[in-house]
PDB file of N, CA and C in Angstrom:
ATOM      1  N   MET A   1     111.561 -13.561  10.302  1.00  0.00           N
ATOM      2  CA  MET A   1     111.981 -12.184  10.232  1.00  0.00           C
ATOM      3  C   MET A   1     110.897 -11.255  10.773  1.00  0.00           C
ATOM      4  N   LYS A   2     109.614 -11.579  10.496  1.00  0.00           N
ATOM      5  CA  LYS A   2     108.514 -10.760  10.995  1.00  0.00           C
ATOM      6  C   LYS A   2     108.497 -10.759  12.525  1.00  0.00           C
ATOM      7  N   GLN A   3     108.779 -11.900  13.141  1.00  0.00           N
ATOM      8  CA  GLN A   3     108.754 -11.995  14.592  1.00  0.00           C
ATOM      9  C   GLN A   3     109.855 -11.133  15.212  1.00  0.00           C
ATOM     10  N   LEU A   4     111.048 -11.124  14.629  1.00  0.00           N
ATOM     11  CA  LEU A   4     112.151 -10.327  15.124  1.00  0.00           C
ATOM     12  C   LEU A   4     111.816  -8.842  15.009  1.00  0.00           C
ATOM     13  N   PHE A   5     111.277  -8.409  13.891  1.00  0.00           N
ATOM     14  CA  PHE A   5     110.901  -7.017  13.683  1.00  0.00           C
ATOM     15  C   PHE A   5     109.833  -6.592  14.700  1.00  0.00           C
ATOM     16  N   LEU A   6     108.842  -7.423  14.925  1.00  0.00           N
ATOM     17  CA  LEU A   6     107.781  -7.140  15.865  1.00  0.00           C
ATOM     18  C   LEU A   6     108.342  -7.031  17.279  1.00  0.00           C
ATOM     19  N   PHE A   7     109.259  -7.917  17.654  1.00  0.00           N
ATOM     20  CA  PHE A   7     109.886  -7.877  18.967  1.00  0.00           C
ATOM     21  C   PHE A   7     110.659  -6.573  19.161  1.00  0.00           C
ATOM     22  N   ILE A   8     111.414  -6.153  18.186  1.00  0.00           N
ATOM     23  CA  ILE A   8     112.180  -4.907  18.273  1.00  0.00           C
ATOM     24  C   ILE A   8     111.235  -3.715  18.369  1.00  0.00           C
ATOM     25  N   LEU A   9     110.180  -3.715  17.589  1.00  0.00           N
ATOM     26  CA  LEU A   9     109.212  -2.626  17.608  1.00  0.00           C
ATOM     27  C   LEU A   9     108.545  -2.522  18.982  1.00  0.00           C
ATOM     28  N   ILE A  10     108.135  -3.636  19.555  1.00  0.00           N
ATOM     29  CA  ILE A  10     107.510  -3.644  20.881  1.00  0.00           C
ATOM     30  C   ILE A  10     108.519  -3.201  21.938  1.00  0.00           C
ATOM     31  N   SER A  11     109.753  -3.639  21.824  1.00  0.00           N
ATOM     32  CA  SER A  11     110.786  -3.254  22.783  1.00  0.00           C
ATOM     33  C   SER A  11     111.025  -1.744  22.751  1.00  0.00           C
ATOM     34  N   LEU A  12     111.098  -1.153  21.582  1.00  0.00           N
ATOM     35  CA  LEU A  12     111.301   0.293  21.459  1.00  0.00           C
ATOM     36  C   LEU A  12     110.104   1.050  22.024  1.00  0.00           C
ATOM     37  N   TRP A  13     108.908   0.593  21.749  1.00  0.00           N
ATOM     38  CA  TRP A  13     107.710   1.250  22.238  1.00  0.00           C
ATOM     39  C   TRP A  13     107.670   1.203  23.763  1.00  0.00           C
ATOM     40  N   THR A  14     108.003   0.058  24.350  1.00  0.00           N
ATOM     41  CA  THR A  14     108.016  -0.089  25.799  1.00  0.00           C
ATOM     42  C   THR A  14     109.047   0.829  26.428  1.00  0.00           C
ATOM     43  N   ALA A  15     110.225   0.923  25.847  1.00  0.00           N
ATOM     44  CA  ALA A  15     111.269   1.789  26.379  1.00  0.00           C
ATOM     45  C   ALA A  15     110.837   3.248  26.322  1.00  0.00           C
ATOM     46  N   THR A  16     110.099   3.623  25.329  1.00  0.00           N
ATOM     47  CA  THR A  16     109.669   5.006  25.180  1.00  0.00           C
ATOM     48  C   THR A  16     108.654   5.402  26.241  1.00  0.00           C
ATOM     49  N   ILE A  17     107.739   4.528  26.593  1.00  0.00           N
ATOM     50  CA  ILE A  17     106.709   4.914  27.551  1.00  0.00           C
ATOM     51  C   ILE A  17     107.139   4.744  29.009  1.00  0.00           C
ATOM     52  N   SER A  18     108.283   4.159  29.277  1.00  0.00           N
ATOM     53  CA  SER A  18     108.708   3.957  30.663  1.00  0.00           C
ATOM     54  C   SER A  18     109.704   5.012  31.132  1.00  0.00           C
ATOM     55  N   VAL A  19     109.767   6.150  30.458  1.00  0.00           N
ATOM     56  CA  VAL A  19     110.684   7.220  30.833  1.00  0.00           C
ATOM     57  C   VAL A  19     110.206   7.860  32.128  1.00  0.00           C
ATOM     58  N   GLY A  20     111.136   8.201  33.027  1.00  0.00           N
ATOM     59  CA  GLY A  20     110.794   8.813  34.313  1.00  0.00           C
ATOM     60  C   GLY A  20     110.572  10.306  34.188  1.00  0.00           C
ATOM     61  N   GLN A  21     110.529  10.979  35.336  1.00  0.00           N
ATOM     62  CA  GLN A  21     110.280  12.415  35.353  1.00  0.00           C
ATOM     63  C   GLN A  21     111.346  13.158  34.565  1.00  0.00           C
ATOM     64  N   ASN A  22     110.955  14.294  33.998  1.00  0.00           N
ATOM     65  CA  ASN A  22     111.881  15.044  33.157  1.00  0.00           C
ATOM     66  C   ASN A  22     112.214  16.412  33.728  1.00  0.00           C
ATOM     67  N   CYS A  23     112.027  16.599  35.044  1.00  0.00           N
ATOM     68  CA  CYS A  23     112.429  17.857  35.664  1.00  0.00           C
ATOM     69  C   CYS A  23     112.849  17.598  37.106  1.00  0.00           C
ATOM     70  N   THR A  24     113.425  18.612  37.734  1.00  0.00           N
ATOM     71  CA  THR A  24     113.863  18.492  39.122  1.00  0.00           C
ATOM     72  C   THR A  24     113.377  19.702  39.911  1.00  0.00           C
ATOM     73  N   ILE A  25     113.285  19.524  41.199  1.00  0.00           N
ATOM     74  CA  ILE A  25     112.930  20.637  42.082  1.00  0.00           C
ATOM     75  C   ILE A  25     113.838  20.573  43.294  1.00  0.00           C
ATOM     76  N   ASN A  26     114.188  21.745  43.836  1.00  0.00           N
ATOM     77  CA  ASN A  26     115.087  21.801  44.976  1.00  0.00           C
ATOM     78  C   ASN A  26     114.526  22.813  45.972  1.00  0.00           C
ATOM     79  N   ALA A  27     114.336  22.400  47.198  1.00  0.00           N
ATOM     80  CA  ALA A  27     113.811  23.283  48.245  1.00  0.00           C
ATOM     81  C   ALA A  27     114.916  24.053  48.961  1.00  0.00           C
ATOM     82  N   GLY A  28     116.139  23.891  48.519  1.00  0.00           N
ATOM     83  CA  GLY A  28     117.254  24.528  49.205  1.00  0.00           C
ATOM     84  C   GLY A  28     117.741  23.644  50.339  1.00  0.00           C
ATOM     85  N   VAL A  29     118.725  24.138  51.068  1.00  0.00           N
ATOM     86  CA  VAL A  29     119.320  23.345  52.148  1.00  0.00           C
ATOM     87  C   VAL A  29     118.607  23.627  53.464  1.00  0.00           C
ATOM     88  N   ASN A  30     118.642  22.645  54.365  1.00  0.00           N
ATOM     89  CA  ASN A  30     118.153  22.891  55.714  1.00  0.00           C
ATOM     90  C   ASN A  30     119.016  23.995  56.314  1.00  0.00           C
ATOM     91  N   SER A  31     118.433  24.888  57.089  1.00  0.00           N
ATOM     92  CA  SER A  31     119.225  25.994  57.614  1.00  0.00           C
ATOM     93  C   SER A  31     118.784  26.381  59.011  1.00  0.00           C
ATOM     94  N   SER A  32     119.654  27.135  59.679  1.00  0.00           N
ATOM     95  CA  SER A  32     119.355  27.667  61.005  1.00  0.00           C
ATOM     96  C   SER A  32     119.006  29.142  60.854  1.00  0.00           C
ATOM     97  N   ILE A  33     118.056  29.596  61.657  1.00  0.00           N
ATOM     98  CA  ILE A  33     117.631  30.984  61.605  1.00  0.00           C
ATOM     99  C   ILE A  33     117.612  31.565  63.005  1.00  0.00           C
ATOM    100  N   CYS A  34     117.580  32.877  63.107  1.00  0.00           N
ATOM    101  CA  CYS A  34     117.439  33.573  64.379  1.00  0.00           C
ATOM    102  C   CYS A  34     116.044  34.177  64.430  1.00  0.00           C
ATOM    103  N   LEU A  35     115.383  34.038  65.573  1.00  0.00           N
ATOM    104  CA  LEU A  35     114.050  34.620  65.714  1.00  0.00           C
ATOM    105  C   LEU A  35     114.138  36.126  65.462  1.00  0.00           C
ATOM    106  N   GLY A  36     113.152  36.651  64.788  1.00  0.00           N
ATOM    107  CA  GLY A  36     113.111  38.073  64.489  1.00  0.00           C
ATOM    108  C   GLY A  36     113.809  38.448  63.195  1.00  0.00           C
ATOM    109  N   GLN A  37     114.545  37.518  62.598  1.00  0.00           N
ATOM    110  CA  GLN A  37     115.225  37.783  61.330  1.00  0.00           C
ATOM    111  C   GLN A  37     114.345  37.345  60.167  1.00  0.00           C
ATOM    112  N   PRO A  38     114.500  37.993  59.008  1.00  0.00           N
ATOM    113  CA  PRO A  38     113.717  37.571  57.836  1.00  0.00           C
ATOM    114  C   PRO A  38     114.030  36.120  57.463  1.00  0.00           C
ATOM    115  N   VAL A  39     112.999  35.400  57.067  1.00  0.00           N
ATOM    116  CA  VAL A  39     113.151  34.016  56.650  1.00  0.00           C
ATOM    117  C   VAL A  39     112.723  33.931  55.197  1.00  0.00           C
ATOM    118  N   VAL A  40     113.608  33.370  54.356  1.00  0.00           N
ATOM    119  CA  VAL A  40     113.328  33.271  52.925  1.00  0.00           C
ATOM    120  C   VAL A  40     113.404  31.812  52.492  1.00  0.00           C
ATOM    121  N   LEU A  41     112.399  31.355  51.769  1.00  0.00           N
ATOM    122  CA  LEU A  41     112.440  30.047  51.114  1.00  0.00           C
ATOM    123  C   LEU A  41     112.897  30.295  49.687  1.00  0.00           C
ATOM    124  N   ASP A  42     113.946  29.601  49.265  1.00  0.00           N
ATOM    125  CA  ASP A  42     114.536  29.836  47.953  1.00  0.00           C
ATOM    126  C   ASP A  42     114.626  28.516  47.193  1.00  0.00           C
ATOM    127  N   GLY A  43     113.587  28.179  46.461  1.00  0.00           N
ATOM    128  CA  GLY A  43     113.552  26.939  45.702  1.00  0.00           C
ATOM    129  C   GLY A  43     114.073  27.139  44.294  1.00  0.00           C
ATOM    130  N   SER A  44     114.333  26.037  43.614  1.00  0.00           N
ATOM    131  CA  SER A  44     114.736  26.106  42.208  1.00  0.00           C
ATOM    132  C   SER A  44     114.089  24.956  41.457  1.00  0.00           C
ATOM    133  N   LEU A  45     113.910  25.175  40.177  1.00  0.00           N
ATOM    134  CA  LEU A  45     113.226  24.231  39.303  1.00  0.00           C
ATOM    135  C   LEU A  45     114.086  24.022  38.076  1.00  0.00           C
ATOM    136  N   GLY A  46     114.302  22.775  37.676  1.00  0.00           N
ATOM    137  CA  GLY A  46     115.104  22.486  36.497  1.00  0.00           C
ATOM    138  C   GLY A  46     114.339  21.631  35.508  1.00  0.00           C
ATOM    139  N   GLY A  47     114.559  21.876  34.240  1.00  0.00           N
ATOM    140  CA  GLY A  47     113.887  21.097  33.202  1.00  0.00           C
ATOM    141  C   GLY A  47     112.508  21.640  32.902  1.00  0.00           C
ATOM    142  N   PRO A  48     111.813  20.982  31.996  1.00  0.00           N
ATOM    143  CA  PRO A  48     110.484  21.472  31.619  1.00  0.00           C
ATOM    144  C   PRO A  48     109.462  21.188  32.721  1.00  0.00           C
ATOM    145  N   ALA A  49     108.970  22.240  33.324  1.00  0.00           N
ATOM    146  CA  ALA A  49     107.964  22.101  34.375  1.00  0.00           C
ATOM    147  C   ALA A  49     106.954  23.217  34.216  1.00  0.00           C
ATOM    148  N   ASP A  50     105.815  23.032  34.810  1.00  0.00           N
ATOM    149  CA  ASP A  50     104.759  24.031  34.765  1.00  0.00           C
ATOM    150  C   ASP A  50     104.955  24.994  35.931  1.00  0.00           C
ATOM    151  N   PRO A  51     105.457  26.220  35.672  1.00  0.00           N
ATOM    152  CA  PRO A  51     105.683  27.170  36.766  1.00  0.00           C
ATOM    153  C   PRO A  51     104.406  27.494  37.549  1.00  0.00           C
ATOM    154  N   ALA A  52     103.265  27.375  36.910  1.00  0.00           N
ATOM    155  CA  ALA A  52     102.001  27.647  37.599  1.00  0.00           C
ATOM    156  C   ALA A  52     101.666  26.570  38.629  1.00  0.00           C
ATOM    157  N   SER A  53     102.371  25.435  38.585  1.00  0.00           N
ATOM    158  CA  SER A  53     102.082  24.342  39.520  1.00  0.00           C
ATOM    159  C   SER A  53     102.937  24.393  40.781  1.00  0.00           C
ATOM    160  N   ILE A  54     103.860  25.354  40.893  1.00  0.00           N
ATOM    161  CA  ILE A  54     104.734  25.459  42.065  1.00  0.00           C
ATOM    162  C   ILE A  54     103.903  25.761  43.308  1.00  0.00           C
ATOM    163  N   LYS A  55     104.184  25.030  44.388  1.00  0.00           N
ATOM    164  CA  LYS A  55     103.458  25.269  45.636  1.00  0.00           C
ATOM    165  C   LYS A  55     104.325  24.918  46.842  1.00  0.00           C
ATOM    166  N   TRP A  56     104.553  25.900  47.703  1.00  0.00           N
ATOM    167  CA  TRP A  56     105.188  25.684  48.992  1.00  0.00           C
ATOM    168  C   TRP A  56     104.107  25.344  50.008  1.00  0.00           C
ATOM    169  N   THR A  57     104.407  24.415  50.915  1.00  0.00           N
ATOM    170  CA  THR A  57     103.484  24.040  51.973  1.00  0.00           C
ATOM    171  C   THR A  57     104.242  23.994  53.293  1.00  0.00           C
ATOM    172  N   LEU A  58     103.654  24.514  54.347  1.00  0.00           N
ATOM    173  CA  LEU A  58     104.221  24.407  55.684  1.00  0.00           C
ATOM    174  C   LEU A  58     103.718  23.095  56.273  1.00  0.00           C
ATOM    175  N   LEU A  59     104.614  22.120  56.424  1.00  0.00           N
ATOM    176  CA  LEU A  59     104.225  20.790  56.901  1.00  0.00           C
ATOM    177  C   LEU A  59     104.109  20.710  58.411  1.00  0.00           C
ATOM    178  N   SER A  60     105.042  21.354  59.121  1.00  0.00           N
ATOM    179  CA  SER A  60     105.014  21.300  60.578  1.00  0.00           C
ATOM    180  C   SER A  60     105.728  22.515  61.153  1.00  0.00           C
ATOM    181  N   GLN A  61     105.347  22.860  62.371  1.00  0.00           N
ATOM    182  CA  GLN A  61     105.973  23.964  63.091  1.00  0.00           C
ATOM    183  C   GLN A  61     105.798  23.700  64.587  1.00  0.00           C
ATOM    184  N   PRO A  62     106.591  24.358  65.426  1.00  0.00           N
ATOM    185  CA  PRO A  62     106.491  24.124  66.870  1.00  0.00           C
ATOM    186  C   PRO A  62     105.105  24.490  67.407  1.00  0.00           C
ATOM    187  N   ALA A  63     104.744  23.878  68.510  1.00  0.00           N
ATOM    188  CA  ALA A  63     103.469  24.191  69.173  1.00  0.00           C
ATOM    189  C   ALA A  63     103.421  25.673  69.508  1.00  0.00           C
ATOM    190  N   GLY A  64     102.303  26.302  69.226  1.00  0.00           N
ATOM    191  CA  GLY A  64     102.121  27.714  69.512  1.00  0.00           C
ATOM    192  C   GLY A  64     102.616  28.648  68.427  1.00  0.00           C
ATOM    193  N   ALA A  65     103.285  28.117  67.417  1.00  0.00           N
ATOM    194  CA  ALA A  65     103.787  28.949  66.314  1.00  0.00           C
ATOM    195  C   ALA A  65     102.654  29.246  65.340  1.00  0.00           C
ATOM    196  N   ASN A  66     102.809  30.345  64.615  1.00  0.00           N
ATOM    197  CA  ASN A  66     101.799  30.748  63.644  1.00  0.00           C
ATOM    198  C   ASN A  66     102.469  31.262  62.373  1.00  0.00           C
ATOM    199  N   ALA A  67     103.459  30.530  61.877  1.00  0.00           N
ATOM    200  CA  ALA A  67     104.176  30.943  60.674  1.00  0.00           C
ATOM    201  C   ALA A  67     103.276  30.833  59.447  1.00  0.00           C
ATOM    202  N   THR A  68     103.510  31.737  58.489  1.00  0.00           N
ATOM    203  CA  THR A  68     102.763  31.713  57.228  1.00  0.00           C
ATOM    204  C   THR A  68     103.714  31.962  56.075  1.00  0.00           C
ATOM    205  N   ILE A  69     103.380  31.408  54.921  1.00  0.00           N
ATOM    206  CA  ILE A  69     104.165  31.597  53.700  1.00  0.00           C
ATOM    207  C   ILE A  69     103.539  32.747  52.921  1.00  0.00           C
ATOM    208  N   SER A  70     104.350  33.749  52.560  1.00  0.00           N
ATOM    209  CA  SER A  70     103.836  34.930  51.872  1.00  0.00           C
ATOM    210  C   SER A  70     103.201  34.600  50.533  1.00  0.00           C
ATOM    211  N   ASN A  71     103.945  33.906  49.668  1.00  0.00           N
ATOM    212  CA  ASN A  71     103.453  33.583  48.328  1.00  0.00           C
ATOM    213  C   ASN A  71     103.807  32.132  48.033  1.00  0.00           C
ATOM    214  N   SER A  72     102.891  31.238  48.292  1.00  0.00           N
ATOM    215  CA  SER A  72     103.182  29.806  48.175  1.00  0.00           C
ATOM    216  C   SER A  72     103.396  29.347  46.739  1.00  0.00           C
ATOM    217  N   SER A  73     103.094  30.178  45.755  1.00  0.00           N
ATOM    218  CA  SER A  73     103.268  29.766  44.354  1.00  0.00           C
ATOM    219  C   SER A  73     104.505  30.380  43.702  1.00  0.00           C
ATOM    220  N   SER A  74     105.432  30.880  44.506  1.00  0.00           N
ATOM    221  CA  SER A  74     106.667  31.471  43.990  1.00  0.00           C
ATOM    222  C   SER A  74     107.870  30.667  44.483  1.00  0.00           C
ATOM    223  N   LEU A  75     108.874  30.494  43.639  1.00  0.00           N
ATOM    224  CA  LEU A  75     110.087  29.778  44.062  1.00  0.00           C
ATOM    225  C   LEU A  75     110.780  30.509  45.209  1.00  0.00           C
ATOM    226  N   LEU A  76     110.784  31.836  45.164  1.00  0.00           N
ATOM    227  CA  LEU A  76     111.424  32.663  46.186  1.00  0.00           C
ATOM    228  C   LEU A  76     110.330  33.389  46.959  1.00  0.00           C
ATOM    229  N   THR A  77     110.211  33.081  48.253  1.00  0.00           N
ATOM    230  CA  THR A  77     109.146  33.687  49.054  1.00  0.00           C
ATOM    231  C   THR A  77     109.583  33.842  50.501  1.00  0.00           C
ATOM    232  N   ASN A  78     108.892  34.681  51.227  1.00  0.00           N
ATOM    233  CA  ASN A  78     109.176  34.923  52.637  1.00  0.00           C
ATOM    234  C   ASN A  78     108.272  34.080  53.523  1.00  0.00           C
ATOM    235  N   VAL A  79     108.777  33.817  54.731  1.00  0.00           N
ATOM    236  CA  VAL A  79     107.966  33.170  55.763  1.00  0.00           C
ATOM    237  C   VAL A  79     107.793  34.206  56.870  1.00  0.00           C
ATOM    238  N   ASN A  80     106.561  34.450  57.254  1.00  0.00           N
ATOM    239  CA  ASN A  80     106.246  35.449  58.276  1.00  0.00           C
ATOM    240  C   ASN A  80     105.912  34.780  59.605  1.00  0.00           C
ATOM    241  N   ASN A  81     106.043  35.543  60.680  1.00  0.00           N
ATOM    242  CA  ASN A  81     105.646  35.125  62.026  1.00  0.00           C
ATOM    243  C   ASN A  81     106.426  33.932  62.568  1.00  0.00           C
ATOM    244  N   VAL A  82     107.717  33.856  62.263  1.00  0.00           N
ATOM    245  CA  VAL A  82     108.556  32.805  62.853  1.00  0.00           C
ATOM    246  C   VAL A  82     108.976  33.323  64.223  1.00  0.00           C
ATOM    247  N   SER A  83     108.225  32.939  65.258  1.00  0.00           N
ATOM    248  CA  SER A  83     108.423  33.540  66.574  1.00  0.00           C
ATOM    249  C   SER A  83     108.608  32.531  67.700  1.00  0.00           C
ATOM    250  N   VAL A  84     108.595  31.259  67.378  1.00  0.00           N
ATOM    251  CA  VAL A  84     108.751  30.209  68.392  1.00  0.00           C
ATOM    252  C   VAL A  84     109.971  29.367  68.039  1.00  0.00           C
ATOM    253  N   ILE A  85     110.826  29.087  69.008  1.00  0.00           N
ATOM    254  CA  ILE A  85     112.008  28.264  68.770  1.00  0.00           C
ATOM    255  C   ILE A  85     111.575  26.839  68.455  1.00  0.00           C
ATOM    256  N   GLY A  86     112.197  26.255  67.442  1.00  0.00           N
ATOM    257  CA  GLY A  86     111.895  24.882  67.054  1.00  0.00           C
ATOM    258  C   GLY A  86     112.135  24.674  65.573  1.00  0.00           C
ATOM    259  N   THR A  87     111.643  23.577  65.071  1.00  0.00           N
ATOM    260  CA  THR A  87     111.849  23.215  63.658  1.00  0.00           C
ATOM    261  C   THR A  87     110.584  23.496  62.860  1.00  0.00           C
ATOM    262  N   TYR A  88     110.773  24.179  61.734  1.00  0.00           N
ATOM    263  CA  TYR A  88     109.707  24.469  60.781  1.00  0.00           C
ATOM    264  C   TYR A  88     110.036  23.674  59.518  1.00  0.00           C
ATOM    265  N   THR A  89     109.134  22.842  59.061  1.00  0.00           N
ATOM    266  CA  THR A  89     109.389  22.000  57.897  1.00  0.00           C
ATOM    267  C   THR A  89     108.482  22.429  56.751  1.00  0.00           C
ATOM    268  N   PHE A  90     109.100  22.658  55.587  1.00  0.00           N
ATOM    269  CA  PHE A  90     108.393  23.104  54.397  1.00  0.00           C
ATOM    270  C   PHE A  90     108.576  22.100  53.269  1.00  0.00           C
ATOM    271  N   ARG A  91     107.632  22.075  52.354  1.00  0.00           N
ATOM    272  CA  ARG A  91     107.738  21.228  51.159  1.00  0.00           C
ATOM    273  C   ARG A  91     107.419  22.095  49.956  1.00  0.00           C
ATOM    274  N   ILE A  92     108.165  21.866  48.877  1.00  0.00           N
ATOM    275  CA  ILE A  92     107.851  22.501  47.606  1.00  0.00           C
ATOM    276  C   ILE A  92     107.527  21.392  46.616  1.00  0.00           C
ATOM    277  N   ASN A  93     106.505  21.598  45.830  1.00  0.00           N
ATOM    278  CA  ASN A  93     106.196  20.616  44.795  1.00  0.00           C
ATOM    279  C   ASN A  93     105.782  21.336  43.516  1.00  0.00           C
ATOM    280  N   ALA A  94     105.860  20.614  42.410  1.00  0.00           N
ATOM    281  CA  ALA A  94     105.490  21.130  41.090  1.00  0.00           C
ATOM    282  C   ALA A  94     105.160  19.941  40.199  1.00  0.00           C
ATOM    283  N   ILE A  95     104.712  20.232  39.000  1.00  0.00           N
ATOM    284  CA  ILE A  95     104.392  19.210  38.015  1.00  0.00           C
ATOM    285  C   ILE A  95     105.361  19.353  36.845  1.00  0.00           C
ATOM    286  N   CYS A  96     106.040  18.252  36.503  1.00  0.00           N
ATOM    287  CA  CYS A  96     106.958  18.248  35.361  1.00  0.00           C
ATOM    288  C   CYS A  96     106.180  18.349  34.050  1.00  0.00           C
ATOM    289  N   GLY A  97     106.891  18.646  32.982  1.00  0.00           N
ATOM    290  CA  GLY A  97     106.280  18.741  31.666  1.00  0.00           C
ATOM    291  C   GLY A  97     105.626  17.452  31.213  1.00  0.00           C
ATOM    292  N   ASP A  98     106.068  16.322  31.770  1.00  0.00           N
ATOM    293  CA  ASP A  98     105.480  15.029  31.403  1.00  0.00           C
ATOM    294  C   ASP A  98     104.337  14.633  32.332  1.00  0.00           C
ATOM    295  N   GLY A  99     103.945  15.548  33.249  1.00  0.00           N
ATOM    296  CA  GLY A  99     102.820  15.290  34.135  1.00  0.00           C
ATOM    297  C   GLY A  99     103.178  14.633  35.454  1.00  0.00           C
ATOM    298  N   VAL A 100     104.457  14.326  35.679  1.00  0.00           N
ATOM    299  CA  VAL A 100     104.889  13.678  36.916  1.00  0.00           C
ATOM    300  C   VAL A 100     105.035  14.727  38.019  1.00  0.00           C
ATOM    301  N   ALA A 101     104.459  14.479  39.180  1.00  0.00           N
ATOM    302  CA  ALA A 101     104.576  15.387  40.321  1.00  0.00           C
ATOM    303  C   ALA A 101     105.912  15.146  41.020  1.00  0.00           C
ATOM    304  N   ILE A 102     106.590  16.232  41.407  1.00  0.00           N
ATOM    305  CA  ILE A 102     107.860  16.131  42.134  1.00  0.00           C
ATOM    306  C   ILE A 102     107.761  16.962  43.405  1.00  0.00           C
ATOM    307  N   LEU A 103     108.529  16.591  44.437  1.00  0.00           N
ATOM    308  CA  LEU A 103     108.528  17.368  45.667  1.00  0.00           C
ATOM    309  C   LEU A 103     109.841  17.213  46.394  1.00  0.00           C
ATOM    310  N   MET A 104     110.113  18.162  47.315  1.00  0.00           N
ATOM    311  CA  MET A 104     111.289  18.111  48.161  1.00  0.00           C
ATOM    312  C   MET A 104     110.978  18.865  49.445  1.00  0.00           C
ATOM    313  N   LYS A 105     111.526  18.394  50.566  1.00  0.00           N
ATOM    314  CA  LYS A 105     111.317  19.038  51.868  1.00  0.00           C
ATOM    315  C   LYS A 105     112.551  19.814  52.295  1.00  0.00           C
ATOM    316  N   SER A 106     112.336  20.820  53.138  1.00  0.00           N
ATOM    317  CA  SER A 106     113.422  21.596  53.725  1.00  0.00           C
ATOM    318  C   SER A 106     113.013  21.971  55.143  1.00  0.00           C
ATOM    319  N   ALA A 107     113.980  22.050  56.055  1.00  0.00           N
ATOM    320  CA  ALA A 107     113.687  22.392  57.448  1.00  0.00           C
ATOM    321  C   ALA A 107     114.476  23.614  57.888  1.00  0.00           C
ATOM    322  N   LEU A 108     113.844  24.455  58.692  1.00  0.00           N
ATOM    323  CA  LEU A 108     114.488  25.606  59.314  1.00  0.00           C
ATOM    324  C   LEU A 108     114.482  25.362  60.807  1.00  0.00           C
ATOM    325  N   ARG A 109     115.600  25.622  61.432  1.00  0.00           N
ATOM    326  CA  ARG A 109     115.711  25.415  62.886  1.00  0.00           C
ATOM    327  C   ARG A 109     116.160  26.689  63.539  1.00  0.00           C
TER     328      ARG A 109
END
């Protein structure tokens, strides 16, 4: 009986520590833009996450472009200087309440 109880206790403990991330992040949908028009990154965060850990990053942009993110620590932010035709790729990441890092990419064309 002791062995069965110990097995159940170890099984429950193992199941408890193997839980995955407890939040989600969304960078929005890939979209098309017109040069000279305002560009907005509109991310969303679900579940327990540290809002102070939110960070947008510009991963790639066309040669000769000089785009910048207005406020990289805000879910909703503007992108400035989108002046070259091509694909601009952004990533948003944050830290869940359980310490797991999450990220998602989005592209503007």
